[in-house]
Amino acid sequence: MVRVLALFAFLIAEVFSVTAVNAETRLLMFEEQGCPYCEAWHEEIGVVYDKTDEGKRAPVTVLDLDDPLPAGVEIGLVPYYTPTFILISDGVEIDRIEGYPGEDFFYWMVEKMLAKISAPTSSS
């Protein structure tokens, strides 16, 4: 019985650590019509992104390059290249990817950006 409870507790912890969605964490994708790299992203990544661990942790919001920023969002420089992916947490830019690095590197780069949110901050 103790083993079953321990296994159950472990599985619950794993589910919440992998699939927990911080409602304040999003991946903004800036695109423009006719962008071949944007189209490639939609074909290779966009069709499954929301089902991945990264997609659950940082759901994507697709914006046209000329769209206004969502209310309460602050970013550094206005995106110029498409696609540009900007990870925001609590309305503030954490990091960005300019361009589409291809399916093999995209998730790795998003994971590195997400690690910046969960990385412990040093107290000075």
C-alpha atoms as a PDB file:
ATOM      1  CA  MET A   1       0.000   0.000   0.000  1.00  0.00           C
ATOM      2  CA  VAL A   2       2.843   2.378   0.853  1.00  0.00           C
ATOM      3  CA  ARG A   3       4.458   1.676  -2.511  1.00  0.00           C
ATOM      4  CA  VAL A   4       1.198   2.382  -4.326  1.00  0.00           C
ATOM      5  CA  LEU A   5       0.787   5.690  -2.485  1.00  0.00           C
ATOM      6  CA  ALA A   6       4.408   6.641  -3.178  1.00  0.00           C
ATOM      7  CA  LEU A   7       3.997   5.803  -6.862  1.00  0.00           C
ATOM      8  CA  PHE A   8       0.754   7.781  -7.005  1.00  0.00           C
ATOM      9  CA  ALA A   9       2.399  10.802  -5.345  1.00  0.00           C
ATOM     10  CA  PHE A  10       5.337  10.583  -7.783  1.00  0.00           C
ATOM     11  CA  LEU A  11       3.015  10.420 -10.802  1.00  0.00           C
ATOM     12  CA  ILE A  12       0.973  13.389  -9.599  1.00  0.00           C
ATOM     13  CA  ALA A  13       4.157  15.419  -9.057  1.00  0.00           C
ATOM     14  CA  GLU A  14       5.394  14.523 -12.543  1.00  0.00           C
ATOM     15  CA  VAL A  15       2.105  15.482 -14.178  1.00  0.00           C
ATOM     16  CA  PHE A  16       2.037  18.850 -12.469  1.00  0.00           C
ATOM     17  CA  SER A  17       5.714  19.604 -13.097  1.00  0.00           C
ATOM     18  CA  VAL A  18       5.464  18.849 -16.816  1.00  0.00           C
ATOM     19  CA  THR A  19       2.004  20.101 -17.693  1.00  0.00           C
ATOM     20  CA  ALA A  20       1.536  22.981 -15.300  1.00  0.00           C
ATOM     21  CA  VAL A  21       0.622  26.085 -17.236  1.00  0.00           C
ATOM     22  CA  ASN A  22       1.487  29.434 -15.824  1.00  0.00           C
ATOM     23  CA  ALA A  23      -1.352  31.530 -17.195  1.00  0.00           C
ATOM     24  CA  GLU A  24       1.046  34.470 -17.250  1.00  0.00           C
ATOM     25  CA  THR A  25       3.661  32.720 -19.425  1.00  0.00           C
ATOM     26  CA  ARG A  26       3.145  32.843 -23.189  1.00  0.00           C
ATOM     27  CA  LEU A  27       5.155  32.530 -26.369  1.00  0.00           C
ATOM     28  CA  LEU A  28       4.294  35.346 -28.751  1.00  0.00           C
ATOM     29  CA  MET A  29       4.922  34.550 -32.416  1.00  0.00           C
ATOM     30  CA  PHE A  30       5.135  37.559 -34.713  1.00  0.00           C
ATOM     31  CA  GLU A  31       4.607  36.730 -38.392  1.00  0.00           C
ATOM     32  CA  GLU A  32       3.624  38.356 -41.650  1.00  0.00           C
ATOM     33  CA  GLN A  33       1.777  37.159 -44.714  1.00  0.00           C
ATOM     34  CA  GLY A  34       3.998  35.441 -47.261  1.00  0.00           C
ATOM     35  CA  CYS A  35       6.788  34.605 -44.799  1.00  0.00           C
ATOM     36  CA  PRO A  36       8.080  31.162 -45.873  1.00  0.00           C
ATOM     37  CA  TYR A  37       9.740  30.554 -42.497  1.00  0.00           C
ATOM     38  CA  CYS A  38       6.461  31.307 -40.711  1.00  0.00           C
ATOM     39  CA  GLU A  39       4.701  28.822 -42.978  1.00  0.00           C
ATOM     40  CA  ALA A  40       7.379  26.215 -42.253  1.00  0.00           C
ATOM     41  CA  TRP A  41       6.895  26.743 -38.502  1.00  0.00           C
ATOM     42  CA  HIS A  42       3.127  26.287 -38.831  1.00  0.00           C
ATOM     43  CA  GLU A  43       3.598  23.073 -40.856  1.00  0.00           C
ATOM     44  CA  GLU A  44       6.350  21.533 -38.702  1.00  0.00           C
ATOM     45  CA  ILE A  45       5.672  22.856 -35.204  1.00  0.00           C
ATOM     46  CA  GLY A  46       2.365  24.706 -35.097  1.00  0.00           C
ATOM     47  CA  VAL A  47       0.254  21.609 -35.690  1.00  0.00           C
ATOM     48  CA  VAL A  48       1.559  19.931 -32.515  1.00  0.00           C
ATOM     49  CA  TYR A  49       3.015  22.704 -30.356  1.00  0.00           C
ATOM     50  CA  ASP A  50       0.053  22.947 -27.976  1.00  0.00           C
ATOM     51  CA  LYS A  51       0.371  19.218 -27.223  1.00  0.00           C
ATOM     52  CA  THR A  52       4.050  19.422 -26.217  1.00  0.00           C
ATOM     53  CA  ASP A  53       5.479  20.111 -22.759  1.00  0.00           C
ATOM     54  CA  GLU A  54       6.740  23.478 -24.013  1.00  0.00           C
ATOM     55  CA  GLY A  55       3.358  24.334 -25.468  1.00  0.00           C
ATOM     56  CA  LYS A  56       1.633  23.528 -22.202  1.00  0.00           C
ATOM     57  CA  ARG A  57       4.088  25.647 -20.232  1.00  0.00           C
ATOM     58  CA  ALA A  58       4.044  28.565 -22.702  1.00  0.00           C
ATOM     59  CA  PRO A  59       1.023  28.545 -25.033  1.00  0.00           C
ATOM     60  CA  VAL A  60       1.611  30.354 -28.303  1.00  0.00           C
ATOM     61  CA  THR A  61      -0.189  33.525 -29.344  1.00  0.00           C
ATOM     62  CA  VAL A  62       0.259  34.287 -33.041  1.00  0.00           C
ATOM     63  CA  LEU A  63       0.313  37.965 -33.973  1.00  0.00           C
ATOM     64  CA  ASP A  64       0.809  39.777 -37.236  1.00  0.00           C
ATOM     65  CA  LEU A  65       3.949  41.910 -37.242  1.00  0.00           C
ATOM     66  CA  ASP A  66       1.750  45.019 -37.444  1.00  0.00           C
ATOM     67  CA  ASP A  67      -0.673  43.992 -34.670  1.00  0.00           C
ATOM     68  CA  PRO A  68      -0.603  45.916 -31.404  1.00  0.00           C
ATOM     69  CA  LEU A  69       0.844  44.122 -28.402  1.00  0.00           C
ATOM     70  CA  PRO A  70      -1.642  42.397 -26.122  1.00  0.00           C
ATOM     71  CA  ALA A  71      -2.688  44.547 -23.164  1.00  0.00           C
ATOM     72  CA  GLY A  72      -0.198  44.484 -20.315  1.00  0.00           C
ATOM     73  CA  VAL A  73       2.716  43.130 -22.383  1.00  0.00           C
ATOM     74  CA  GLU A  74       6.101  44.869 -22.350  1.00  0.00           C
ATOM     75  CA  ILE A  75       8.867  43.873 -24.740  1.00  0.00           C
ATOM     76  CA  GLY A  76      12.262  45.275 -25.616  1.00  0.00           C
ATOM     77  CA  LEU A  77      12.661  46.066 -29.288  1.00  0.00           C
ATOM     78  CA  VAL A  78       9.696  45.850 -31.633  1.00  0.00           C
ATOM     79  CA  PRO A  79      10.099  42.719 -33.792  1.00  0.00           C
ATOM     80  CA  TYR A  80      11.437  43.390 -37.257  1.00  0.00           C
ATOM     81  CA  TYR A  81      12.130  39.875 -38.591  1.00  0.00           C
ATOM     82  CA  THR A  82       9.560  37.151 -39.034  1.00  0.00           C
ATOM     83  CA  PRO A  83       9.025  34.922 -37.400  1.00  0.00           C
ATOM     84  CA  THR A  84      10.094  36.324 -34.052  1.00  0.00           C
ATOM     85  CA  PHE A  85       9.189  34.338 -30.949  1.00  0.00           C
ATOM     86  CA  ILE A  86       9.104  36.262 -27.665  1.00  0.00           C
ATOM     87  CA  LEU A  87       8.669  34.460 -24.365  1.00  0.00           C
ATOM     88  CA  ILE A  88       6.811  36.612 -21.861  1.00  0.00           C
ATOM     89  CA  SER A  89       6.196  35.956 -18.193  1.00  0.00           C
ATOM     90  CA  ASP A  90       3.909  38.180 -16.154  1.00  0.00           C
ATOM     91  CA  GLY A  91       3.718  40.496 -19.170  1.00  0.00           C
ATOM     92  CA  VAL A  92       7.481  41.042 -19.434  1.00  0.00           C
ATOM     93  CA  GLU A  93       9.835  39.776 -22.146  1.00  0.00           C
ATOM     94  CA  ILE A  94      12.156  37.044 -20.916  1.00  0.00           C
ATOM     95  CA  ASP A  95      13.927  36.146 -24.164  1.00  0.00           C
ATOM     96  CA  ARG A  96      13.358  35.866 -27.891  1.00  0.00           C
ATOM     97  CA  ILE A  97      14.193  33.854 -30.996  1.00  0.00           C
ATOM     98  CA  GLU A  98      14.532  35.826 -34.209  1.00  0.00           C
ATOM     99  CA  GLY A  99      13.874  33.597 -37.194  1.00  0.00           C
ATOM    100  CA  TYR A 100      12.911  29.955 -37.333  1.00  0.00           C
ATOM    101  CA  PRO A 101      15.880  27.665 -36.579  1.00  0.00           C
ATOM    102  CA  GLY A 102      14.114  24.559 -37.883  1.00  0.00           C
ATOM    103  CA  GLU A 103      12.282  21.769 -36.133  1.00  0.00           C
ATOM    104  CA  ASP A 104      15.438  20.228 -34.658  1.00  0.00           C
ATOM    105  CA  PHE A 105      16.522  23.344 -32.754  1.00  0.00           C
ATOM    106  CA  PHE A 106      13.242  25.141 -32.052  1.00  0.00           C
ATOM    107  CA  TYR A 107      12.196  23.099 -29.000  1.00  0.00           C
ATOM    108  CA  TRP A 108      15.718  23.168 -27.591  1.00  0.00           C
ATOM    109  CA  MET A 109      15.775  26.964 -27.843  1.00  0.00           C
ATOM    110  CA  VAL A 110      12.309  27.332 -26.276  1.00  0.00           C
ATOM    111  CA  GLU A 111      13.342  25.030 -23.430  1.00  0.00           C
ATOM    112  CA  LYS A 112      16.411  27.202 -22.787  1.00  0.00           C
ATOM    113  CA  MET A 113      14.173  30.272 -22.650  1.00  0.00           C
ATOM    114  CA  LEU A 114      11.726  28.557 -20.288  1.00  0.00           C
ATOM    115  CA  ALA A 115      14.628  27.606 -18.007  1.00  0.00           C
ATOM    116  CA  LYS A 116      15.246  31.311 -17.460  1.00  0.00           C
ATOM    117  CA  ILE A 117      11.846  31.579 -15.792  1.00  0.00           C
ATOM    118  CA  SER A 118      12.327  28.644 -13.451  1.00  0.00           C
ATOM    119  CA  ALA A 119      16.011  29.315 -12.748  1.00  0.00           C
ATOM    120  CA  PRO A 120      16.623  30.381  -9.170  1.00  0.00           C
ATOM    121  CA  THR A 121      17.579  34.002  -8.810  1.00  0.00           C
ATOM    122  CA  SER A 122      20.644  34.876  -6.799  1.00  0.00           C
ATOM    123  CA  SER A 123      20.138  37.204  -3.902  1.00  0.00           C
ATOM    124  CA  SER A 124      22.640  40.027  -3.675  1.00  0.00           C
END
